[in-house]
Amino acid sequence: MADNARWFVVHTYSGYENKVASNIETVVENRKMQDQIFEVRIPTETVTEIKDDSKKEVERKLFPGYVMVKVACSYRKRSEFEDEELTMTDEAWYVIRNTRGVTGFVGPGSKPVPLSDEEVVKLGIEQKSIEVNYKVGDLVNILSGPFDGYSGVVDSIDLTKQVVVVMISMLGRETPVELELDQIEVAFD
């Protein structure tokens, strides 16, 4: 069932995000529902605040009033006229919906809608891990994007931002191009 796990967005009272996440994790532990509710996250970012000539690192919520929950799903047919759709189990829905501080799910009415894989990556909930088999100075081919088909030399790799800078020859000049890590491959002669 872990193959069909999807992220859902839970709406909470403002300021209750940490309490809601903690309560859901406690209920999952007590009811032994680890096979249905896998993960609870509150997306945050670290921001440097400058006040009175002093720098301070502060963790700030990206989406105040929302908690992300990864839940096991199954395909279910709502009626004989509709196609099958991926939905969370009734027990998981009940536990999350009846957690103190939860006002509902993001979706039409009371029906929770899972986030698409693209939304999960864009929101930074899950980072896709990419192993690179190239290093600075390697000759690489660009696989996708506006520079598809070009070759160049790796200038720098930033694993935290998951980008690589490749120097390509364009109009007789060396031009730096920033790409995602999986947009290039080592050029084999």
N, C-alpha and C. Protein backbone atom coordinates (compact mmCIF):
# COMPACT_ATOMS: atom_id res chain seq x y z
N MET A 1 0.81 -1.21 0.00
CA MET A 1 0.00 0.00 0.00
C MET A 1 0.84 1.26 0.00
N ALA A 2 2.11 1.13 0.38
CA ALA A 2 2.99 2.30 0.40
C ALA A 2 3.23 2.84 -1.01
N ASP A 3 3.03 1.97 -2.03
CA ASP A 3 3.21 2.42 -3.41
C ASP A 3 2.16 3.46 -3.79
N ASN A 4 0.97 3.36 -3.20
CA ASN A 4 -0.11 4.28 -3.52
C ASN A 4 -0.24 5.41 -2.50
N ALA A 5 0.80 5.66 -1.73
CA ALA A 5 0.74 6.74 -0.75
C ALA A 5 0.79 8.09 -1.46
N ARG A 6 -0.04 9.02 -1.02
CA ARG A 6 -0.10 10.36 -1.60
C ARG A 6 -0.11 11.40 -0.49
N TRP A 7 0.32 12.61 -0.85
CA TRP A 7 0.30 13.74 0.08
C TRP A 7 -1.04 14.46 -0.02
N PHE A 8 -1.60 14.79 1.14
CA PHE A 8 -2.83 15.57 1.22
C PHE A 8 -2.55 16.81 2.06
N VAL A 9 -3.31 17.87 1.81
CA VAL A 9 -3.15 19.11 2.56
C VAL A 9 -4.32 19.22 3.54
N VAL A 10 -3.96 19.40 4.82
CA VAL A 10 -4.95 19.52 5.89
C VAL A 10 -4.98 20.97 6.34
N HIS A 11 -6.17 21.56 6.40
CA HIS A 11 -6.33 22.94 6.86
C HIS A 11 -6.53 22.94 8.37
N THR A 12 -5.81 23.82 9.07
CA THR A 12 -5.89 23.90 10.53
C THR A 12 -6.20 25.33 10.96
N TYR A 13 -6.54 25.47 12.23
CA TYR A 13 -6.63 26.82 12.79
C TYR A 13 -5.23 27.43 12.75
N SER A 14 -5.15 28.72 12.50
CA SER A 14 -3.86 29.40 12.45
C SER A 14 -3.14 29.27 13.80
N GLY A 15 -1.88 28.88 13.75
CA GLY A 15 -1.10 28.72 14.97
C GLY A 15 -1.19 27.33 15.58
N TYR A 16 -2.05 26.47 15.04
CA TYR A 16 -2.22 25.12 15.58
C TYR A 16 -1.47 24.06 14.77
N GLU A 17 -0.66 24.47 13.81
CA GLU A 17 -0.01 23.50 12.91
C GLU A 17 0.82 22.47 13.67
N ASN A 18 1.68 22.93 14.59
CA ASN A 18 2.53 22.01 15.35
C ASN A 18 1.72 21.08 16.23
N LYS A 19 0.68 21.61 16.86
CA LYS A 19 -0.17 20.81 17.73
C LYS A 19 -0.92 19.75 16.93
N VAL A 20 -1.46 20.13 15.78
CA VAL A 20 -2.18 19.19 14.91
C VAL A 20 -1.24 18.08 14.45
N ALA A 21 -0.04 18.45 13.99
CA ALA A 21 0.93 17.45 13.53
C ALA A 21 1.29 16.49 14.67
N SER A 22 1.51 17.03 15.84
CA SER A 22 1.83 16.19 17.00
C SER A 22 0.68 15.26 17.36
N ASN A 23 -0.56 15.79 17.35
CA ASN A 23 -1.73 14.98 17.68
C ASN A 23 -1.93 13.85 16.67
N ILE A 24 -1.76 14.13 15.38
CA ILE A 24 -1.91 13.09 14.36
C ILE A 24 -0.86 12.00 14.56
N GLU A 25 0.39 12.40 14.82
CA GLU A 25 1.46 11.43 15.03
C GLU A 25 1.18 10.57 16.27
N THR A 26 0.63 11.17 17.32
CA THR A 26 0.30 10.42 18.54
C THR A 26 -0.80 9.40 18.28
N VAL A 27 -1.85 9.81 17.56
CA VAL A 27 -2.95 8.89 17.25
C VAL A 27 -2.46 7.75 16.37
N VAL A 28 -1.61 8.05 15.41
CA VAL A 28 -1.06 7.02 14.53
C VAL A 28 -0.27 6.00 15.36
N GLU A 29 0.52 6.48 16.31
CA GLU A 29 1.30 5.60 17.18
C GLU A 29 0.39 4.76 18.08
N ASN A 30 -0.60 5.41 18.71
CA ASN A 30 -1.50 4.70 19.63
C ASN A 30 -2.38 3.67 18.94
N ARG A 31 -2.87 4.00 17.76
CA ARG A 31 -3.76 3.08 17.04
C ARG A 31 -3.02 2.15 16.08
N LYS A 32 -1.69 2.26 16.08
CA LYS A 32 -0.85 1.43 15.21
C LYS A 32 -1.28 1.54 13.74
N MET A 33 -1.36 2.79 13.27
CA MET A 33 -1.80 3.08 11.91
C MET A 33 -0.63 3.47 11.00
N GLN A 34 0.59 3.02 11.34
CA GLN A 34 1.75 3.38 10.55
C GLN A 34 1.65 2.88 9.11
N ASP A 35 0.80 1.89 8.86
CA ASP A 35 0.62 1.38 7.50
C ASP A 35 -0.38 2.21 6.70
N GLN A 36 -1.04 3.21 7.36
CA GLN A 36 -2.01 4.05 6.67
C GLN A 36 -1.59 5.51 6.61
N ILE A 37 -1.03 6.02 7.69
CA ILE A 37 -0.56 7.41 7.73
C ILE A 37 0.95 7.35 7.95
N PHE A 38 1.70 7.70 6.90
CA PHE A 38 3.15 7.50 6.92
C PHE A 38 3.93 8.68 7.48
N GLU A 39 3.50 9.89 7.15
CA GLU A 39 4.32 11.04 7.49
C GLU A 39 3.45 12.29 7.65
N VAL A 40 3.86 13.15 8.57
CA VAL A 40 3.19 14.43 8.78
C VAL A 40 4.26 15.51 8.72
N ARG A 41 4.07 16.53 7.89
CA ARG A 41 5.07 17.59 7.75
C ARG A 41 4.44 18.97 7.76
N ILE A 42 5.22 19.90 8.27
CA ILE A 42 4.88 21.32 8.21
C ILE A 42 6.03 21.97 7.44
N PRO A 43 5.83 22.32 6.16
CA PRO A 43 6.93 22.91 5.38
C PRO A 43 7.39 24.24 5.98
N THR A 44 8.71 24.34 6.21
CA THR A 44 9.28 25.55 6.78
C THR A 44 10.50 25.97 5.97
N GLU A 45 10.90 27.21 6.20
CA GLU A 45 12.13 27.73 5.59
C GLU A 45 12.91 28.47 6.67
N THR A 46 14.22 28.49 6.52
CA THR A 46 15.06 29.22 7.46
C THR A 46 15.35 30.59 6.87
N VAL A 47 15.01 31.63 7.64
CA VAL A 47 15.16 33.01 7.19
C VAL A 47 16.07 33.75 8.16
N THR A 48 16.93 34.61 7.62
CA THR A 48 17.79 35.43 8.46
C THR A 48 17.12 36.78 8.67
N GLU A 49 16.82 37.08 9.93
CA GLU A 49 16.20 38.38 10.27
C GLU A 49 17.27 39.28 10.86
N ILE A 50 17.23 40.55 10.47
CA ILE A 50 18.16 41.53 11.02
C ILE A 50 17.36 42.55 11.80
N LYS A 51 17.57 42.57 13.11
CA LYS A 51 16.89 43.52 14.00
C LYS A 51 17.94 44.13 14.92
N ASP A 52 17.92 45.45 15.02
CA ASP A 52 18.84 46.16 15.90
C ASP A 52 20.29 45.73 15.68
N ASP A 53 20.71 45.68 14.43
CA ASP A 53 22.07 45.33 14.04
C ASP A 53 22.52 43.93 14.47
N SER A 54 21.57 43.02 14.69
CA SER A 54 21.94 41.64 15.01
C SER A 54 21.21 40.69 14.06
N LYS A 55 21.96 39.70 13.60
CA LYS A 55 21.39 38.70 12.70
C LYS A 55 20.88 37.52 13.52
N LYS A 56 19.73 37.01 13.11
CA LYS A 56 19.13 35.88 13.82
C LYS A 56 18.47 34.96 12.80
N GLU A 57 18.79 33.67 12.87
CA GLU A 57 18.17 32.68 11.99
C GLU A 57 16.85 32.24 12.60
N VAL A 58 15.76 32.37 11.82
CA VAL A 58 14.43 32.02 12.29
C VAL A 58 13.80 31.02 11.33
N GLU A 59 13.13 30.02 11.90
CA GLU A 59 12.42 29.07 11.05
C GLU A 59 10.98 29.56 10.91
N ARG A 60 10.55 29.72 9.67
CA ARG A 60 9.23 30.28 9.38
C ARG A 60 8.42 29.27 8.57
N LYS A 61 7.13 29.17 8.88
CA LYS A 61 6.23 28.26 8.15
C LYS A 61 5.98 28.81 6.75
N LEU A 62 6.10 27.93 5.75
CA LEU A 62 5.84 28.35 4.36
C LEU A 62 4.35 28.56 4.12
N PHE A 63 3.51 27.69 4.75
CA PHE A 63 2.07 27.75 4.55
C PHE A 63 1.36 27.76 5.90
N PRO A 64 1.27 28.93 6.54
CA PRO A 64 0.60 28.98 7.84
C PRO A 64 -0.85 28.50 7.73
N GLY A 65 -1.25 27.66 8.66
CA GLY A 65 -2.62 27.15 8.66
C GLY A 65 -2.78 25.84 7.89
N TYR A 66 -1.66 25.26 7.43
CA TYR A 66 -1.73 24.02 6.67
C TYR A 66 -0.69 23.01 7.15
N VAL A 67 -1.07 21.73 7.11
CA VAL A 67 -0.18 20.62 7.45
C VAL A 67 -0.27 19.62 6.30
N MET A 68 0.86 19.05 5.91
CA MET A 68 0.89 18.05 4.84
C MET A 68 0.95 16.66 5.47
N VAL A 69 0.12 15.75 4.96
CA VAL A 69 0.05 14.39 5.51
C VAL A 69 0.16 13.38 4.36
N LYS A 70 1.07 12.42 4.51
CA LYS A 70 1.23 11.37 3.50
C LYS A 70 0.43 10.15 3.96
N VAL A 71 -0.57 9.79 3.15
CA VAL A 71 -1.55 8.77 3.54
C VAL A 71 -1.61 7.68 2.47
N ALA A 72 -1.79 6.43 2.92
CA ALA A 72 -1.99 5.31 2.00
C ALA A 72 -3.33 5.48 1.30
N CYS A 73 -3.35 5.18 0.02
CA CYS A 73 -4.58 5.34 -0.76
C CYS A 73 -4.88 4.04 -1.49
N SER A 74 -6.13 3.92 -1.90
CA SER A 74 -6.54 2.78 -2.71
C SER A 74 -7.47 3.30 -3.80
N TYR A 75 -7.58 2.53 -4.87
CA TYR A 75 -8.48 2.91 -5.94
C TYR A 75 -9.90 2.51 -5.56
N ARG A 76 -10.81 3.45 -5.70
CA ARG A 76 -12.19 3.20 -5.31
C ARG A 76 -13.11 3.83 -6.34
N LYS A 77 -14.20 3.14 -6.62
CA LYS A 77 -15.20 3.65 -7.56
C LYS A 77 -16.31 4.30 -6.75
N ARG A 78 -16.56 5.60 -6.96
CA ARG A 78 -17.60 6.32 -6.22
C ARG A 78 -19.00 5.87 -6.64
N SER A 79 -19.21 5.67 -7.93
CA SER A 79 -20.49 5.19 -8.43
C SER A 79 -20.24 4.41 -9.71
N GLU A 80 -21.26 3.75 -10.20
CA GLU A 80 -21.07 2.92 -11.39
C GLU A 80 -20.79 3.73 -12.64
N PHE A 81 -21.06 5.04 -12.62
CA PHE A 81 -20.87 5.89 -13.79
C PHE A 81 -19.54 6.62 -13.78
N GLU A 82 -18.81 6.57 -12.68
CA GLU A 82 -17.55 7.30 -12.56
C GLU A 82 -16.37 6.34 -12.68
N ASP A 83 -15.22 6.89 -13.09
CA ASP A 83 -13.99 6.12 -13.15
C ASP A 83 -13.46 5.90 -11.75
N GLU A 84 -12.53 4.94 -11.61
CA GLU A 84 -11.89 4.72 -10.32
C GLU A 84 -11.00 5.92 -10.00
N GLU A 85 -10.93 6.26 -8.72
CA GLU A 85 -10.05 7.34 -8.30
C GLU A 85 -9.29 6.93 -7.06
N LEU A 86 -8.15 7.56 -6.86
CA LEU A 86 -7.30 7.27 -5.72
C LEU A 86 -7.81 8.03 -4.51
N THR A 87 -8.21 7.31 -3.45
CA THR A 87 -8.72 7.96 -2.25
C THR A 87 -8.09 7.36 -1.01
N MET A 88 -8.05 8.15 0.06
CA MET A 88 -7.50 7.63 1.31
C MET A 88 -8.53 6.73 1.98
N THR A 89 -8.06 5.92 2.91
CA THR A 89 -8.97 5.01 3.61
C THR A 89 -9.91 5.79 4.50
N ASP A 90 -11.06 5.22 4.78
CA ASP A 90 -12.04 5.88 5.63
C ASP A 90 -11.50 6.10 7.04
N GLU A 91 -10.74 5.12 7.55
CA GLU A 91 -10.19 5.24 8.90
C GLU A 91 -9.19 6.39 9.00
N ALA A 92 -8.31 6.50 7.99
CA ALA A 92 -7.32 7.59 7.98
C ALA A 92 -8.04 8.94 7.87
N TRP A 93 -9.05 9.02 7.00
CA TRP A 93 -9.82 10.26 6.86
C TRP A 93 -10.45 10.64 8.19
N TYR A 94 -11.05 9.67 8.87
CA TYR A 94 -11.73 9.93 10.14
C TYR A 94 -10.74 10.43 11.20
N VAL A 95 -9.60 9.77 11.31
CA VAL A 95 -8.59 10.15 12.32
C VAL A 95 -8.09 11.58 12.07
N ILE A 96 -7.75 11.88 10.83
CA ILE A 96 -7.22 13.22 10.52
C ILE A 96 -8.30 14.28 10.68
N ARG A 97 -9.47 14.03 10.13
CA ARG A 97 -10.56 15.02 10.15
C ARG A 97 -11.02 15.34 11.57
N ASN A 98 -10.95 14.36 12.48
CA ASN A 98 -11.42 14.56 13.84
C ASN A 98 -10.31 14.89 14.83
N THR A 99 -9.17 15.30 14.33
CA THR A 99 -8.08 15.76 15.18
C THR A 99 -8.38 17.20 15.61
N ARG A 100 -8.20 17.48 16.88
CA ARG A 100 -8.47 18.83 17.39
C ARG A 100 -7.59 19.86 16.67
N GLY A 101 -8.21 20.90 16.16
CA GLY A 101 -7.51 21.97 15.44
C GLY A 101 -7.63 21.85 13.93
N VAL A 102 -8.10 20.69 13.43
CA VAL A 102 -8.26 20.49 11.99
C VAL A 102 -9.62 21.03 11.57
N THR A 103 -9.63 21.86 10.51
CA THR A 103 -10.90 22.38 10.00
C THR A 103 -11.36 21.67 8.74
N GLY A 104 -10.48 20.90 8.11
CA GLY A 104 -10.86 20.14 6.92
C GLY A 104 -9.68 19.87 6.03
N PHE A 105 -9.97 19.31 4.88
CA PHE A 105 -8.96 19.02 3.87
C PHE A 105 -9.08 20.04 2.74
N VAL A 106 -7.99 20.20 2.00
CA VAL A 106 -8.04 21.04 0.81
C VAL A 106 -8.63 20.18 -0.31
N GLY A 107 -9.73 20.63 -0.86
CA GLY A 107 -10.44 19.91 -1.90
C GLY A 107 -11.89 20.34 -1.89
N PRO A 108 -12.64 19.95 -2.91
CA PRO A 108 -14.05 20.35 -2.97
C PRO A 108 -14.88 19.66 -1.90
N GLY A 109 -15.64 20.46 -1.15
CA GLY A 109 -16.48 19.90 -0.09
C GLY A 109 -15.63 19.23 0.97
N SER A 110 -16.02 18.04 1.38
CA SER A 110 -15.25 17.32 2.40
C SER A 110 -14.38 16.25 1.76
N LYS A 111 -14.25 16.28 0.42
CA LYS A 111 -13.49 15.26 -0.29
C LYS A 111 -12.03 15.71 -0.44
N PRO A 112 -11.10 15.02 0.23
CA PRO A 112 -9.69 15.40 0.09
C PRO A 112 -9.14 15.03 -1.28
N VAL A 113 -8.35 15.93 -1.85
CA VAL A 113 -7.74 15.70 -3.15
C VAL A 113 -6.23 15.59 -2.96
N PRO A 114 -5.62 14.48 -3.43
CA PRO A 114 -4.16 14.34 -3.26
C PRO A 114 -3.40 15.30 -4.16
N LEU A 115 -2.21 15.69 -3.70
CA LEU A 115 -1.33 16.54 -4.49
C LEU A 115 -0.71 15.71 -5.61
N SER A 116 -0.50 16.32 -6.75
CA SER A 116 0.17 15.63 -7.86
C SER A 116 1.67 15.56 -7.53
N ASP A 117 2.39 14.70 -8.23
CA ASP A 117 3.83 14.56 -8.00
C ASP A 117 4.56 15.87 -8.28
N GLU A 118 4.11 16.61 -9.30
CA GLU A 118 4.74 17.89 -9.62
C GLU A 118 4.52 18.90 -8.49
N GLU A 119 3.31 18.92 -7.92
CA GLU A 119 3.02 19.84 -6.82
C GLU A 119 3.87 19.51 -5.60
N VAL A 120 4.07 18.24 -5.32
CA VAL A 120 4.88 17.82 -4.18
C VAL A 120 6.30 18.33 -4.32
N VAL A 121 6.87 18.20 -5.52
CA VAL A 121 8.24 18.66 -5.75
C VAL A 121 8.31 20.18 -5.68
N LYS A 122 7.36 20.88 -6.32
CA LYS A 122 7.37 22.35 -6.32
C LYS A 122 7.20 22.93 -4.92
N LEU A 123 6.36 22.28 -4.09
CA LEU A 123 6.14 22.76 -2.73
C LEU A 123 7.30 22.43 -1.80
N GLY A 124 8.22 21.57 -2.26
CA GLY A 124 9.39 21.23 -1.45
C GLY A 124 9.07 20.25 -0.33
N ILE A 125 7.98 19.51 -0.45
CA ILE A 125 7.61 18.55 0.59
C ILE A 125 8.55 17.36 0.54
N GLU A 126 8.80 16.86 -0.64
CA GLU A 126 9.75 15.77 -0.84
C GLU A 126 10.76 16.21 -1.88
N GLN A 127 12.00 15.93 -1.61
CA GLN A 127 13.03 16.22 -2.58
C GLN A 127 13.36 14.94 -3.32
N LYS A 128 13.38 14.99 -4.64
CA LYS A 128 13.80 13.80 -5.37
C LYS A 128 15.31 13.73 -5.29
N SER A 129 15.82 12.56 -4.95
CA SER A 129 17.27 12.41 -4.82
C SER A 129 17.84 11.97 -6.16
N ILE A 130 18.84 12.67 -6.59
CA ILE A 130 19.47 12.39 -7.87
C ILE A 130 20.95 12.13 -7.61
N GLU A 131 21.41 10.98 -8.09
CA GLU A 131 22.82 10.67 -7.99
C GLU A 131 23.49 11.12 -9.28
N VAL A 132 24.55 11.88 -9.14
CA VAL A 132 25.24 12.39 -10.33
C VAL A 132 26.48 11.55 -10.58
N ASN A 133 26.71 11.22 -11.84
CA ASN A 133 27.89 10.44 -12.20
C ASN A 133 28.87 11.30 -12.99
N TYR A 134 28.79 12.61 -12.80
CA TYR A 134 29.70 13.53 -13.47
C TYR A 134 30.29 14.45 -12.43
N LYS A 135 31.38 15.11 -12.82
CA LYS A 135 32.06 16.04 -11.91
C LYS A 135 32.47 17.29 -12.68
N VAL A 136 32.94 18.29 -11.96
CA VAL A 136 33.38 19.53 -12.60
C VAL A 136 34.48 19.21 -13.60
N GLY A 137 34.35 19.73 -14.81
CA GLY A 137 35.33 19.50 -15.88
C GLY A 137 34.92 18.43 -16.87
N ASP A 138 33.87 17.64 -16.55
CA ASP A 138 33.42 16.58 -17.45
C ASP A 138 32.66 17.16 -18.64
N LEU A 139 32.81 16.50 -19.79
CA LEU A 139 32.05 16.84 -20.98
C LEU A 139 30.69 16.15 -20.86
N VAL A 140 29.60 16.92 -21.01
CA VAL A 140 28.25 16.37 -20.84
C VAL A 140 27.35 16.77 -22.01
N ASN A 141 26.29 15.99 -22.18
CA ASN A 141 25.24 16.29 -23.17
C ASN A 141 24.00 16.77 -22.42
N ILE A 142 23.33 17.79 -22.95
CA ILE A 142 22.10 18.29 -22.35
C ILE A 142 20.94 17.49 -22.94
N LEU A 143 20.09 16.94 -22.06
CA LEU A 143 19.03 16.02 -22.47
C LEU A 143 17.68 16.68 -22.69
N SER A 144 17.41 17.80 -22.01
CA SER A 144 16.09 18.43 -22.14
C SER A 144 16.18 19.93 -21.92
N GLY A 145 15.10 20.61 -22.25
CA GLY A 145 15.06 22.06 -22.09
C GLY A 145 15.42 22.76 -23.38
N PRO A 146 15.57 24.07 -23.33
CA PRO A 146 15.83 24.85 -24.55
C PRO A 146 17.20 24.55 -25.17
N PHE A 147 18.13 23.98 -24.39
CA PHE A 147 19.47 23.68 -24.91
C PHE A 147 19.64 22.19 -25.19
N ASP A 148 18.53 21.47 -25.37
CA ASP A 148 18.54 20.04 -25.68
C ASP A 148 19.41 19.77 -26.91
N GLY A 149 20.32 18.82 -26.78
CA GLY A 149 21.20 18.48 -27.89
C GLY A 149 22.56 19.15 -27.84
N TYR A 150 22.71 20.19 -27.02
CA TYR A 150 24.00 20.86 -26.87
C TYR A 150 24.92 20.01 -25.99
N SER A 151 26.21 20.23 -26.16
CA SER A 151 27.22 19.62 -25.30
C SER A 151 27.97 20.75 -24.61
N GLY A 152 28.52 20.45 -23.45
CA GLY A 152 29.27 21.46 -22.73
C GLY A 152 30.10 20.84 -21.64
N VAL A 153 30.77 21.69 -20.88
CA VAL A 153 31.64 21.25 -19.79
C VAL A 153 31.04 21.71 -18.47
N VAL A 154 31.00 20.80 -17.49
CA VAL A 154 30.45 21.12 -16.17
C VAL A 154 31.35 22.15 -15.50
N ASP A 155 30.75 23.29 -15.12
CA ASP A 155 31.49 24.36 -14.46
C ASP A 155 31.35 24.28 -12.95
N SER A 156 30.13 24.00 -12.46
CA SER A 156 29.91 23.87 -11.02
C SER A 156 28.67 23.02 -10.76
N ILE A 157 28.64 22.40 -9.57
CA ILE A 157 27.51 21.56 -9.16
C ILE A 157 27.08 22.02 -7.78
N ASP A 158 25.78 22.31 -7.61
CA ASP A 158 25.22 22.71 -6.31
C ASP A 158 24.16 21.68 -5.94
N LEU A 159 24.54 20.73 -5.06
CA LEU A 159 23.63 19.65 -4.68
C LEU A 159 22.48 20.13 -3.80
N THR A 160 22.68 21.20 -3.03
CA THR A 160 21.59 21.70 -2.18
C THR A 160 20.47 22.31 -3.01
N LYS A 161 20.84 23.06 -4.04
CA LYS A 161 19.82 23.65 -4.93
C LYS A 161 19.45 22.70 -6.06
N GLN A 162 20.18 21.59 -6.18
CA GLN A 162 20.00 20.59 -7.23
C GLN A 162 20.11 21.19 -8.63
N VAL A 163 21.16 21.99 -8.82
CA VAL A 163 21.43 22.58 -10.13
C VAL A 163 22.89 22.37 -10.50
N VAL A 164 23.15 22.43 -11.79
CA VAL A 164 24.50 22.32 -12.33
C VAL A 164 24.67 23.44 -13.36
N VAL A 165 25.85 24.04 -13.39
CA VAL A 165 26.15 25.07 -14.40
C VAL A 165 27.06 24.43 -15.44
N VAL A 166 26.62 24.50 -16.69
CA VAL A 166 27.36 23.92 -17.81
C VAL A 166 27.76 25.06 -18.75
N MET A 167 29.02 25.07 -19.16
CA MET A 167 29.51 26.06 -20.12
C MET A 167 29.32 25.48 -21.52
N ILE A 168 28.49 26.14 -22.32
CA ILE A 168 28.26 25.69 -23.70
C ILE A 168 28.80 26.75 -24.65
N SER A 169 29.14 26.33 -25.86
CA SER A 169 29.62 27.26 -26.87
C SER A 169 28.43 27.69 -27.71
N MET A 170 28.12 29.01 -27.63
CA MET A 170 26.98 29.53 -28.37
C MET A 170 27.40 30.83 -29.04
N LEU A 171 27.22 30.90 -30.34
CA LEU A 171 27.60 32.07 -31.14
C LEU A 171 29.07 32.41 -30.95
N GLY A 172 29.90 31.37 -30.82
CA GLY A 172 31.33 31.57 -30.71
C GLY A 172 31.82 31.98 -29.33
N ARG A 173 30.94 31.98 -28.34
CA ARG A 173 31.33 32.36 -26.98
C ARG A 173 30.95 31.27 -25.99
N GLU A 174 31.73 31.18 -24.92
CA GLU A 174 31.40 30.26 -23.84
C GLU A 174 30.30 30.91 -22.98
N THR A 175 29.19 30.22 -22.84
CA THR A 175 28.03 30.76 -22.12
C THR A 175 27.63 29.82 -20.98
N PRO A 176 27.49 30.33 -19.75
CA PRO A 176 27.06 29.46 -18.65
C PRO A 176 25.54 29.23 -18.70
N VAL A 177 25.14 27.99 -18.51
CA VAL A 177 23.72 27.63 -18.51
C VAL A 177 23.44 26.85 -17.23
N GLU A 178 22.43 27.29 -16.47
CA GLU A 178 22.06 26.60 -15.24
C GLU A 178 20.96 25.59 -15.55
N LEU A 179 21.18 24.33 -15.16
CA LEU A 179 20.26 23.24 -15.44
C LEU A 179 20.00 22.42 -14.19
N GLU A 180 18.93 21.64 -14.22
CA GLU A 180 18.68 20.70 -13.13
C GLU A 180 19.65 19.53 -13.27
N LEU A 181 19.92 18.86 -12.15
CA LEU A 181 20.91 17.79 -12.15
C LEU A 181 20.59 16.66 -13.13
N ASP A 182 19.29 16.39 -13.34
CA ASP A 182 18.92 15.27 -14.20
C ASP A 182 18.73 15.67 -15.67
N GLN A 183 19.10 16.90 -16.02
CA GLN A 183 18.96 17.35 -17.41
C GLN A 183 20.19 17.08 -18.24
N ILE A 184 21.23 16.51 -17.63
CA ILE A 184 22.46 16.25 -18.38
C ILE A 184 22.95 14.83 -18.12
N GLU A 185 23.80 14.35 -19.03
CA GLU A 185 24.47 13.07 -18.84
C GLU A 185 25.89 13.19 -19.38
N VAL A 186 26.76 12.33 -18.88
CA VAL A 186 28.15 12.35 -19.33
C VAL A 186 28.20 11.97 -20.80
N ALA A 187 28.97 12.72 -21.57
CA ALA A 187 29.13 12.43 -23.01
C ALA A 187 30.19 11.36 -23.17
N PHE A 188 29.80 10.27 -23.81
CA PHE A 188 30.75 9.19 -24.05
C PHE A 188 31.21 9.29 -25.51
N ASP A 189 32.52 9.27 -25.70
CA ASP A 189 33.06 9.39 -27.06
C ASP A 189 32.94 8.10 -27.82
